Amino acid sequence: MTFLRRVVMLSRSRKFGRYPEARWANCAFGTIQASIALLVLLSLVQPSRAFAANPDLETVLTGSRQRIEKLDYRLTGRLTRVEGNGKRTSHKFVAKAHWFPDGLRLLCEISGPGSEKTSLLLHMSVSGHVTIEAVLPGEKAASLLPFERWNDPLVGTDFSYEDMVESQFFWKHQELLAPEKYGARDCFVLKSISGSQGRTYYDSVTSWIDRGILYPVHVVKTLRGTGQQKEFIYYGLRQVGGVWSATQVEAKLQGKPGSSILVIEWGSGKANLGRKDFAISPSHAQGEKVK
């Protein structure tokens, strides 16, 4: 029996006699109980309205989500693995992204030192649900990448397949920690928690977000099960056409020598992309290289 049903039954079972004063008291008591029941109902159905929201948390989430929801770019660059001894292995990196009514689409092609290529199409829904299609070296057609491979190193770097999108800002559980400085920047510190049902390899993602531009400068991701952490540092922040971006992102895996660096060499922040621009196939990848 629910709490509200008990309240209703209790109000109906009260007997106050046949006197006008009793009837008035009965009416007043019933009104009070009805008001209490309404408040309880509102708190159960709409908890976000029953308690005042944290305005800073709302600012950070709204700004971060809107930044992603405005994405419409093409870019080229290099994805490089730097070993502990200084040895470098570089790959050409070409990508484009656009936010559609059903979420974000990101298509990227990574060309290795030889002729091998990796093509990825990532789709992130408005709720943060991610799917990944891939054409991996030696394959002739795109297929869904099994979730078990999402945390695999992307072409041998410290970036994983899942790291290509910032789905953490769309997770349900968000917590604002005490503000901190990162270098010279004053930052909001946002902790995004995936929850047990989240389709991700990360338990949580903590982002240091510049208070002035609402762009991340430092991110730490904690791997589910092991507690191992992966650190991302954003360099060369710039604003082009009203859109903030980083010219370089470095990824470091805790306990592993060296790091990996994604360098953006060219980009267009207003590419005017459509759905036809996000077909993934080996022939499409080859066509993009020839252009």
C-alpha atoms as a PDB file:
ATOM      1  CA  MET A   1       0.000   0.000   0.000  1.00  0.00           C
ATOM      2  CA  THR A   2       1.456   3.326  -1.076  1.00  0.00           C
ATOM      3  CA  PHE A   3       1.923   6.282   1.272  1.00  0.00           C
ATOM      4  CA  LEU A   4      -0.614   8.391  -0.644  1.00  0.00           C
ATOM      5  CA  ARG A   5      -3.263   5.664  -0.438  1.00  0.00           C
ATOM      6  CA  ARG A   6      -2.749   5.433   3.320  1.00  0.00           C
ATOM      7  CA  VAL A   7      -3.227   9.186   3.621  1.00  0.00           C
ATOM      8  CA  VAL A   8      -6.514   9.008   1.694  1.00  0.00           C
ATOM      9  CA  MET A   9      -7.824   6.052   3.722  1.00  0.00           C
ATOM     10  CA  LEU A  10      -6.876   7.769   6.960  1.00  0.00           C
ATOM     11  CA  SER A  11      -8.756  10.924   6.001  1.00  0.00           C
ATOM     12  CA  ARG A  12     -11.878   8.884   5.098  1.00  0.00           C
ATOM     13  CA  SER A  13     -11.810   6.871   8.327  1.00  0.00           C
ATOM     14  CA  ARG A  14     -11.818   9.918  10.642  1.00  0.00           C
ATOM     15  CA  LYS A  15     -15.140  10.472  12.496  1.00  0.00           C
ATOM     16  CA  PHE A  16     -15.697  13.861  14.110  1.00  0.00           C
ATOM     17  CA  GLY A  17     -19.352  13.624  15.167  1.00  0.00           C
ATOM     18  CA  ARG A  18     -22.477  15.356  14.028  1.00  0.00           C
ATOM     19  CA  TYR A  19     -21.777  18.871  15.323  1.00  0.00           C
ATOM     20  CA  PRO A  20     -20.995  21.800  12.936  1.00  0.00           C
ATOM     21  CA  GLU A  21     -17.706  22.403  14.734  1.00  0.00           C
ATOM     22  CA  ALA A  22     -16.742  18.788  14.136  1.00  0.00           C
ATOM     23  CA  ARG A  23     -17.760  19.020  10.492  1.00  0.00           C
ATOM     24  CA  TRP A  24     -15.672  22.179  10.123  1.00  0.00           C
ATOM     25  CA  ALA A  25     -12.720  20.462  11.779  1.00  0.00           C
ATOM     26  CA  ASN A  26     -13.207  17.461   9.531  1.00  0.00           C
ATOM     27  CA  CYS A  27     -13.140  19.690   6.469  1.00  0.00           C
ATOM     28  CA  ALA A  28     -10.074  21.573   7.669  1.00  0.00           C
ATOM     29  CA  PHE A  29      -8.252  18.354   8.538  1.00  0.00           C
ATOM     30  CA  GLY A  30      -9.097  16.903   5.128  1.00  0.00           C
ATOM     31  CA  THR A  31      -7.810  20.040   3.391  1.00  0.00           C
ATOM     32  CA  ILE A  32      -4.526  19.888   5.308  1.00  0.00           C
ATOM     33  CA  GLN A  33      -4.080  16.205   4.479  1.00  0.00           C
ATOM     34  CA  ALA A  34      -4.868  16.818   0.840  1.00  0.00           C
ATOM     35  CA  SER A  35      -2.231  19.566   0.766  1.00  0.00           C
ATOM     36  CA  ILE A  36       0.335  17.261   2.370  1.00  0.00           C
ATOM     37  CA  ALA A  37      -0.503  14.528  -0.125  1.00  0.00           C
ATOM     38  CA  LEU A  38      -0.090  16.979  -3.010  1.00  0.00           C
ATOM     39  CA  LEU A  39       3.312  18.102  -1.738  1.00  0.00           C
ATOM     40  CA  VAL A  40       4.428  14.496  -1.377  1.00  0.00           C
ATOM     41  CA  LEU A  41       3.231  13.721  -4.898  1.00  0.00           C
ATOM     42  CA  LEU A  42       5.085  16.690  -6.342  1.00  0.00           C
ATOM     43  CA  SER A  43       8.289  15.725  -4.554  1.00  0.00           C
ATOM     44  CA  LEU A  44       8.039  12.163  -5.897  1.00  0.00           C
ATOM     45  CA  VAL A  45       7.148  13.037  -9.473  1.00  0.00           C
ATOM     46  CA  GLN A  46       9.240  16.174  -9.900  1.00  0.00           C
ATOM     47  CA  PRO A  47      12.155  16.034  -7.448  1.00  0.00           C
ATOM     48  CA  SER A  48      14.153  18.538  -9.497  1.00  0.00           C
ATOM     49  CA  ARG A  49      11.499  21.172  -8.782  1.00  0.00           C
ATOM     50  CA  ALA A  50      11.094  20.278  -5.145  1.00  0.00           C
ATOM     51  CA  PHE A  51      14.731  21.153  -4.404  1.00  0.00           C
ATOM     52  CA  ALA A  52      16.596  24.192  -5.689  1.00  0.00           C
ATOM     53  CA  ALA A  53      19.135  23.284  -8.379  1.00  0.00           C
ATOM     54  CA  ASN A  54      22.799  24.179  -8.034  1.00  0.00           C
ATOM     55  CA  PRO A  55      23.139  27.171 -10.404  1.00  0.00           C
ATOM     56  CA  ASP A  56      26.849  26.516 -11.062  1.00  0.00           C
ATOM     57  CA  LEU A  57      26.154  22.872 -11.929  1.00  0.00           C
ATOM     58  CA  GLU A  58      23.414  23.985 -14.306  1.00  0.00           C
ATOM     59  CA  THR A  59      25.795  26.507 -15.892  1.00  0.00           C
ATOM     60  CA  VAL A  60      28.537  23.913 -16.434  1.00  0.00           C
ATOM     61  CA  LEU A  61      26.245  21.225 -17.841  1.00  0.00           C
ATOM     62  CA  THR A  62      24.289  23.597 -20.071  1.00  0.00           C
ATOM     63  CA  GLY A  63      27.460  25.174 -21.437  1.00  0.00           C
ATOM     64  CA  SER A  64      29.203  21.847 -22.038  1.00  0.00           C
ATOM     65  CA  ARG A  65      26.197  20.253 -23.709  1.00  0.00           C
ATOM     66  CA  GLN A  66      25.459  23.272 -25.880  1.00  0.00           C
ATOM     67  CA  ARG A  67      29.073  23.327 -27.049  1.00  0.00           C
ATOM     68  CA  ILE A  68      28.737  19.740 -28.277  1.00  0.00           C
ATOM     69  CA  GLU A  69      25.260  20.330 -29.697  1.00  0.00           C
ATOM     70  CA  LYS A  70      26.661  23.096 -31.935  1.00  0.00           C
ATOM     71  CA  LEU A  71      29.466  20.991 -33.443  1.00  0.00           C
ATOM     72  CA  ASP A  72      29.781  21.178 -37.232  1.00  0.00           C
ATOM     73  CA  TYR A  73      33.411  20.765 -38.275  1.00  0.00           C
ATOM     74  CA  ARG A  74      36.017  19.201 -40.526  1.00  0.00           C
ATOM     75  CA  LEU A  75      39.622  18.809 -39.420  1.00  0.00           C
ATOM     76  CA  THR A  76      42.900  17.169 -40.289  1.00  0.00           C
ATOM     77  CA  GLY A  77      45.820  16.425 -38.031  1.00  0.00           C
ATOM     78  CA  ARG A  78      48.167  13.816 -36.602  1.00  0.00           C
ATOM     79  CA  LEU A  79      47.697  11.153 -33.938  1.00  0.00           C
ATOM     80  CA  THR A  80      51.082  10.257 -32.447  1.00  0.00           C
ATOM     81  CA  ARG A  81      52.199   7.705 -29.881  1.00  0.00           C
ATOM     82  CA  VAL A  82      55.335   8.828 -28.009  1.00  0.00           C
ATOM     83  CA  GLU A  83      57.121   5.954 -26.273  1.00  0.00           C
ATOM     84  CA  GLY A  84      58.962   6.326 -22.976  1.00  0.00           C
ATOM     85  CA  ASN A  85      62.284   6.346 -24.872  1.00  0.00           C
ATOM     86  CA  GLY A  86      61.095   9.140 -27.174  1.00  0.00           C
ATOM     87  CA  LYS A  87      60.294   6.999 -30.217  1.00  0.00           C
ATOM     88  CA  ARG A  88      57.326   8.380 -32.191  1.00  0.00           C
ATOM     89  CA  THR A  89      54.766   6.639 -34.381  1.00  0.00           C
ATOM     90  CA  SER A  90      52.432   9.021 -36.221  1.00  0.00           C
ATOM     91  CA  HIS A  91      49.171   8.531 -38.068  1.00  0.00           C
ATOM     92  CA  LYS A  92      47.246  10.918 -40.285  1.00  0.00           C
ATOM     93  CA  PHE A  93      43.931  11.845 -38.677  1.00  0.00           C
ATOM     94  CA  VAL A  94      40.944  13.184 -40.648  1.00  0.00           C
ATOM     95  CA  ALA A  95      37.564  13.808 -39.000  1.00  0.00           C
ATOM     96  CA  LYS A  96      34.235  15.553 -39.318  1.00  0.00           C
ATOM     97  CA  ALA A  97      31.331  15.919 -36.930  1.00  0.00           C
ATOM     98  CA  HIS A  98      27.833  17.368 -36.836  1.00  0.00           C
ATOM     99  CA  TRP A  99      25.041  17.437 -34.285  1.00  0.00           C
ATOM    100  CA  PHE A 100      21.734  16.287 -35.785  1.00  0.00           C
ATOM    101  CA  PRO A 101      18.289  16.214 -34.099  1.00  0.00           C
ATOM    102  CA  ASP A 102      18.993  12.621 -32.985  1.00  0.00           C
ATOM    103  CA  GLY A 103      22.476  13.377 -31.661  1.00  0.00           C
ATOM    104  CA  LEU A 104      26.120  13.657 -32.676  1.00  0.00           C
ATOM    105  CA  ARG A 105      27.775  11.884 -35.587  1.00  0.00           C
ATOM    106  CA  LEU A 106      31.573  11.749 -35.815  1.00  0.00           C
ATOM    107  CA  LEU A 107      33.326  10.161 -38.765  1.00  0.00           C
ATOM    108  CA  CYS A 108      37.094   9.806 -38.681  1.00  0.00           C
ATOM    109  CA  GLU A 109      39.771   8.068 -40.743  1.00  0.00           C
ATOM    110  CA  ILE A 110      43.175   7.193 -39.349  1.00  0.00           C
ATOM    111  CA  SER A 111      45.919   6.292 -41.837  1.00  0.00           C
ATOM    112  CA  GLY A 112      48.915   4.387 -40.538  1.00  0.00           C
ATOM    113  CA  PRO A 113      52.591   4.613 -41.459  1.00  0.00           C
ATOM    114  CA  GLY A 114      51.908   2.056 -44.193  1.00  0.00           C
ATOM    115  CA  SER A 115      48.721   1.716 -46.260  1.00  0.00           C
ATOM    116  CA  GLU A 116      46.458   0.425 -43.485  1.00  0.00           C
ATOM    117  CA  LYS A 117      43.451   2.550 -42.511  1.00  0.00           C
ATOM    118  CA  THR A 118      40.913   2.604 -39.699  1.00  0.00           C
ATOM    119  CA  SER A 119      37.544   4.265 -40.309  1.00  0.00           C
ATOM    120  CA  LEU A 120      35.118   4.976 -37.462  1.00  0.00           C
ATOM    121  CA  LEU A 121      31.576   6.304 -37.318  1.00  0.00           C
ATOM    122  CA  LEU A 122      30.458   7.175 -33.791  1.00  0.00           C
ATOM    123  CA  HIS A 123      26.883   8.149 -32.976  1.00  0.00           C
ATOM    124  CA  MET A 124      25.975   9.636 -29.603  1.00  0.00           C
ATOM    125  CA  SER A 125      22.284  10.159 -28.850  1.00  0.00           C
ATOM    126  CA  VAL A 126      20.832  13.081 -26.900  1.00  0.00           C
ATOM    127  CA  SER A 127      20.890  10.864 -23.787  1.00  0.00           C
ATOM    128  CA  GLY A 128      24.589  10.017 -24.192  1.00  0.00           C
ATOM    129  CA  HIS A 129      24.075   6.494 -25.603  1.00  0.00           C
ATOM    130  CA  VAL A 130      26.944   5.641 -27.952  1.00  0.00           C
ATOM    131  CA  THR A 131      27.253   3.234 -30.887  1.00  0.00           C
ATOM    132  CA  ILE A 132      30.408   2.706 -32.943  1.00  0.00           C
ATOM    133  CA  GLU A 133      30.729   1.381 -36.487  1.00  0.00           C
ATOM    134  CA  ALA A 134      34.162   0.554 -37.829  1.00  0.00           C
ATOM    135  CA  VAL A 135      36.076  -0.547 -40.889  1.00  0.00           C
ATOM    136  CA  LEU A 136      39.276  -1.959 -39.425  1.00  0.00           C
ATOM    137  CA  PRO A 137      42.473  -2.830 -41.337  1.00  0.00           C
ATOM    138  CA  GLY A 138      41.867  -5.848 -43.587  1.00  0.00           C
ATOM    139  CA  GLU A 139      38.067  -5.532 -43.442  1.00  0.00           C
ATOM    140  CA  LYS A 140      35.958  -4.763 -46.516  1.00  0.00           C
ATOM    141  CA  ALA A 141      32.752  -3.504 -44.895  1.00  0.00           C
ATOM    142  CA  ALA A 142      31.654  -1.537 -41.855  1.00  0.00           C
ATOM    143  CA  SER A 143      30.264  -3.375 -38.849  1.00  0.00           C
ATOM    144  CA  LEU A 144      29.265  -2.517 -35.309  1.00  0.00           C
ATOM    145  CA  LEU A 145      32.259  -2.520 -33.011  1.00  0.00           C
ATOM    146  CA  PRO A 146      31.505  -4.876 -30.086  1.00  0.00           C
ATOM    147  CA  PHE A 147      31.382  -3.152 -26.719  1.00  0.00           C
ATOM    148  CA  GLU A 148      34.175  -5.456 -25.539  1.00  0.00           C
ATOM    149  CA  ARG A 149      36.549  -3.588 -27.883  1.00  0.00           C
ATOM    150  CA  TRP A 150      35.609  -0.008 -26.961  1.00  0.00           C
ATOM    151  CA  ASN A 151      38.537   0.281 -24.567  1.00  0.00           C
ATOM    152  CA  ASP A 152      41.097  -1.127 -27.018  1.00  0.00           C
ATOM    153  CA  PRO A 153      43.973   1.219 -27.886  1.00  0.00           C
ATOM    154  CA  LEU A 154      43.109   3.167 -31.020  1.00  0.00           C
ATOM    155  CA  VAL A 155      45.854   2.338 -33.563  1.00  0.00           C
ATOM    156  CA  GLY A 156      48.217   1.581 -30.670  1.00  0.00           C
ATOM    157  CA  THR A 157      47.799   4.926 -28.874  1.00  0.00           C
ATOM    158  CA  ASP A 158      46.551   5.797 -25.393  1.00  0.00           C
ATOM    159  CA  PHE A 159      43.245   6.953 -26.877  1.00  0.00           C
ATOM    160  CA  SER A 160      40.509   4.313 -26.968  1.00  0.00           C
ATOM    161  CA  TYR A 161      37.622   4.129 -29.416  1.00  0.00           C
ATOM    162  CA  GLU A 162      35.299   5.426 -26.709  1.00  0.00           C
ATOM    163  CA  ASP A 163      37.518   8.474 -26.090  1.00  0.00           C
ATOM    164  CA  MET A 164      36.550   9.982 -29.443  1.00  0.00           C
ATOM    165  CA  VAL A 165      33.314  11.458 -28.020  1.00  0.00           C
ATOM    166  CA  GLU A 166      32.553  13.355 -24.795  1.00  0.00           C
ATOM    167  CA  SER A 167      29.531  11.328 -23.731  1.00  0.00           C
ATOM    168  CA  GLN A 168      30.173  11.967 -20.018  1.00  0.00           C
ATOM    169  CA  PHE A 169      28.501  15.387 -20.146  1.00  0.00           C
ATOM    170  CA  PHE A 170      25.214  13.665 -21.053  1.00  0.00           C
ATOM    171  CA  TRP A 171      25.280  11.049 -18.284  1.00  0.00           C
ATOM    172  CA  LYS A 172      22.475  11.182 -15.739  1.00  0.00           C
ATOM    173  CA  HIS A 173      24.605  11.503 -12.582  1.00  0.00           C
ATOM    174  CA  GLN A 174      26.578  14.748 -12.334  1.00  0.00           C
ATOM    175  CA  GLU A 175      28.259  16.295  -9.295  1.00  0.00           C
ATOM    176  CA  LEU A 176      30.034  19.628  -8.934  1.00  0.00           C
ATOM    177  CA  LEU A 177      33.108  19.439  -6.701  1.00  0.00           C
ATOM    178  CA  ALA A 178      34.935  22.339  -5.051  1.00  0.00           C
ATOM    179  CA  PRO A 179      36.421  24.761  -7.612  1.00  0.00           C
ATOM    180  CA  GLU A 180      40.161  24.501  -8.272  1.00  0.00           C
ATOM    181  CA  LYS A 181      42.880  26.113 -10.298  1.00  0.00           C
ATOM    182  CA  TYR A 182      44.505  24.161 -13.103  1.00  0.00           C
ATOM    183  CA  GLY A 183      47.658  26.042 -13.932  1.00  0.00           C
ATOM    184  CA  ALA A 184      46.625  29.690 -14.154  1.00  0.00           C
ATOM    185  CA  ARG A 185      42.991  28.884 -14.974  1.00  0.00           C
ATOM    186  CA  ASP A 186      40.100  29.082 -12.519  1.00  0.00           C
ATOM    187  CA  CYS A 187      38.028  25.953 -13.072  1.00  0.00           C
ATOM    188  CA  PHE A 188      34.751  24.334 -12.248  1.00  0.00           C
ATOM    189  CA  VAL A 189      35.382  20.685 -11.330  1.00  0.00           C
ATOM    190  CA  LEU A 190      32.646  18.401 -12.646  1.00  0.00           C
ATOM    191  CA  LYS A 191      32.458  14.714 -11.739  1.00  0.00           C
ATOM    192  CA  SER A 192      30.335  12.648 -14.138  1.00  0.00           C
ATOM    193  CA  ILE A 193      29.348   9.178 -12.861  1.00  0.00           C
ATOM    194  CA  SER A 194      28.299   6.491 -15.315  1.00  0.00           C
ATOM    195  CA  GLY A 195      26.240   4.299 -12.979  1.00  0.00           C
ATOM    196  CA  SER A 196      26.119   0.519 -13.049  1.00  0.00           C
ATOM    197  CA  GLN A 197      24.013   0.409 -16.221  1.00  0.00           C
ATOM    198  CA  GLY A 198      26.120   2.853 -18.208  1.00  0.00           C
ATOM    199  CA  ARG A 199      27.488   1.539 -21.533  1.00  0.00           C
ATOM    200  CA  THR A 200      31.041   2.718 -20.939  1.00  0.00           C
ATOM    201  CA  TYR A 201      34.354   1.430 -19.626  1.00  0.00           C
ATOM    202  CA  TYR A 202      34.626   4.337 -17.203  1.00  0.00           C
ATOM    203  CA  ASP A 203      33.261   4.535 -13.669  1.00  0.00           C
ATOM    204  CA  SER A 204      33.627   8.286 -13.605  1.00  0.00           C
ATOM    205  CA  VAL A 205      35.074  11.217 -15.503  1.00  0.00           C
ATOM    206  CA  THR A 206      36.302  14.333 -13.679  1.00  0.00           C
ATOM    207  CA  SER A 207      36.636  17.464 -15.813  1.00  0.00           C
ATOM    208  CA  TRP A 208      38.394  20.720 -14.959  1.00  0.00           C
ATOM    209  CA  ILE A 209      36.412  23.272 -16.978  1.00  0.00           C
ATOM    210  CA  ASP A 210      37.603  26.857 -17.451  1.00  0.00           C
ATOM    211  CA  ARG A 211      35.062  29.138 -15.753  1.00  0.00           C
ATOM    212  CA  GLY A 212      35.346  31.831 -18.412  1.00  0.00           C
ATOM    213  CA  ILE A 213      34.975  29.802 -21.602  1.00  0.00           C
ATOM    214  CA  LEU A 214      33.348  26.589 -20.263  1.00  0.00           C
ATOM    215  CA  TYR A 215      35.868  24.420 -22.091  1.00  0.00           C
ATOM    216  CA  PRO A 216      37.769  21.515 -20.453  1.00  0.00           C
ATOM    217  CA  VAL A 217      41.490  21.986 -19.835  1.00  0.00           C
ATOM    218  CA  HIS A 218      42.102  18.759 -17.908  1.00  0.00           C
ATOM    219  CA  VAL A 219      40.132  15.505 -17.691  1.00  0.00           C
ATOM    220  CA  VAL A 220      40.741  12.370 -15.603  1.00  0.00           C
ATOM    221  CA  LYS A 221      38.859   9.179 -16.472  1.00  0.00           C
ATOM    222  CA  THR A 222      38.705   6.277 -13.995  1.00  0.00           C
ATOM    223  CA  LEU A 223      38.422   2.816 -15.519  1.00  0.00           C
ATOM    224  CA  ARG A 224      35.673   0.557 -14.226  1.00  0.00           C
ATOM    225  CA  GLY A 225      36.812  -2.373 -12.124  1.00  0.00           C
ATOM    226  CA  THR A 226      40.546  -1.562 -11.967  1.00  0.00           C
ATOM    227  CA  GLY A 227      40.457   2.051 -10.797  1.00  0.00           C
ATOM    228  CA  GLN A 228      43.248   2.860 -13.261  1.00  0.00           C
ATOM    229  CA  GLN A 229      43.175   6.461 -14.413  1.00  0.00           C
ATOM    230  CA  LYS A 230      43.685   8.070 -17.796  1.00  0.00           C
ATOM    231  CA  GLU A 231      44.591  11.746 -17.980  1.00  0.00           C
ATOM    232  CA  PHE A 232      43.811  14.164 -20.825  1.00  0.00           C
ATOM    233  CA  ILE A 233      45.415  17.610 -21.094  1.00  0.00           C
ATOM    234  CA  TYR A 234      44.132  20.230 -23.548  1.00  0.00           C
ATOM    235  CA  TYR A 235      46.592  22.725 -25.052  1.00  0.00           C
ATOM    236  CA  GLY A 236      46.346  25.743 -27.337  1.00  0.00           C
ATOM    237  CA  LEU A 237      42.751  26.708 -26.607  1.00  0.00           C
ATOM    238  CA  ARG A 238      41.428  29.101 -29.233  1.00  0.00           C
ATOM    239  CA  GLN A 239      38.165  30.596 -30.402  1.00  0.00           C
ATOM    240  CA  VAL A 240      37.308  30.462 -34.109  1.00  0.00           C
ATOM    241  CA  GLY A 241      33.955  31.785 -35.269  1.00  0.00           C
ATOM    242  CA  GLY A 242      32.694  31.887 -31.711  1.00  0.00           C
ATOM    243  CA  VAL A 243      33.592  28.225 -31.107  1.00  0.00           C
ATOM    244  CA  TRP A 244      36.277  27.189 -28.620  1.00  0.00           C
ATOM    245  CA  SER A 245      38.537  24.257 -29.392  1.00  0.00           C
ATOM    246  CA  ALA A 246      41.939  22.813 -28.499  1.00  0.00           C
ATOM    247  CA  THR A 247      44.769  22.525 -31.012  1.00  0.00           C
ATOM    248  CA  GLN A 248      46.349  19.629 -29.129  1.00  0.00           C
ATOM    249  CA  VAL A 249      45.138  16.917 -26.725  1.00  0.00           C
ATOM    250  CA  GLU A 250      47.539  14.677 -24.820  1.00  0.00           C
ATOM    251  CA  ALA A 251      46.461  11.349 -23.281  1.00  0.00           C
ATOM    252  CA  LYS A 252      48.432   9.529 -20.554  1.00  0.00           C
ATOM    253  CA  LEU A 253      47.552   6.153 -19.054  1.00  0.00           C
ATOM    254  CA  GLN A 254      48.518   5.734 -15.400  1.00  0.00           C
ATOM    255  CA  GLY A 255      51.470   3.357 -14.978  1.00  0.00           C
ATOM    256  CA  LYS A 256      52.311   3.291 -18.699  1.00  0.00           C
ATOM    257  CA  PRO A 257      55.433   5.101 -19.969  1.00  0.00           C
ATOM    258  CA  GLY A 258      54.997   7.730 -22.669  1.00  0.00           C
ATOM    259  CA  SER A 259      51.828   9.372 -23.931  1.00  0.00           C
ATOM    260  CA  SER A 260      49.768  10.006 -27.058  1.00  0.00           C
ATOM    261  CA  ILE A 261      49.101  13.347 -28.716  1.00  0.00           C
ATOM    262  CA  LEU A 262      46.332  14.422 -31.100  1.00  0.00           C
ATOM    263  CA  VAL A 263      47.428  17.560 -32.971  1.00  0.00           C
ATOM    264  CA  ILE A 264      44.954  19.541 -35.080  1.00  0.00           C
ATOM    265  CA  GLU A 265      46.705  21.052 -38.112  1.00  0.00           C
ATOM    266  CA  TRP A 266      43.673  22.427 -39.967  1.00  0.00           C
ATOM    267  CA  GLY A 267      40.005  22.784 -39.181  1.00  0.00           C
ATOM    268  CA  SER A 268      36.755  24.432 -40.206  1.00  0.00           C
ATOM    269  CA  GLY A 269      34.240  25.204 -37.464  1.00  0.00           C
ATOM    270  CA  LYS A 270      31.294  25.740 -39.821  1.00  0.00           C
ATOM    271  CA  ALA A 271      31.403  22.916 -42.338  1.00  0.00           C
ATOM    272  CA  ASN A 272      27.643  22.821 -43.137  1.00  0.00           C
ATOM    273  CA  LEU A 273      27.592  19.019 -43.071  1.00  0.00           C
ATOM    274  CA  GLY A 274      24.575  16.837 -43.810  1.00  0.00           C
ATOM    275  CA  ARG A 275      23.714  13.181 -43.252  1.00  0.00           C
ATOM    276  CA  LYS A 276      25.149  12.226 -46.643  1.00  0.00           C
ATOM    277  CA  ASP A 277      28.571  13.218 -45.329  1.00  0.00           C
ATOM    278  CA  PHE A 278      28.528  10.403 -42.766  1.00  0.00           C
ATOM    279  CA  ALA A 279      28.462   7.247 -44.863  1.00  0.00           C
ATOM    280  CA  ILE A 280      31.201   4.853 -43.788  1.00  0.00           C
ATOM    281  CA  SER A 281      32.779   2.433 -46.247  1.00  0.00           C
ATOM    282  CA  PRO A 282      36.248   1.606 -47.601  1.00  0.00           C
ATOM    283  CA  SER A 283      35.443   3.407 -50.871  1.00  0.00           C
ATOM    284  CA  HIS A 284      34.279   6.483 -48.914  1.00  0.00           C
ATOM    285  CA  ALA A 285      37.508   6.505 -46.973  1.00  0.00           C
ATOM    286  CA  GLN A 286      39.552   6.299 -50.175  1.00  0.00           C
ATOM    287  CA  GLY A 287      37.470   9.112 -51.697  1.00  0.00           C
ATOM    288  CA  GLU A 288      38.175  11.359 -48.737  1.00  0.00           C
ATOM    289  CA  LYS A 289      41.911  10.779 -49.174  1.00  0.00           C
ATOM    290  CA  VAL A 290      41.873  11.641 -52.894  1.00  0.00           C
ATOM    291  CA  LYS A 291      40.041  14.958 -52.453  1.00  0.00           C
END
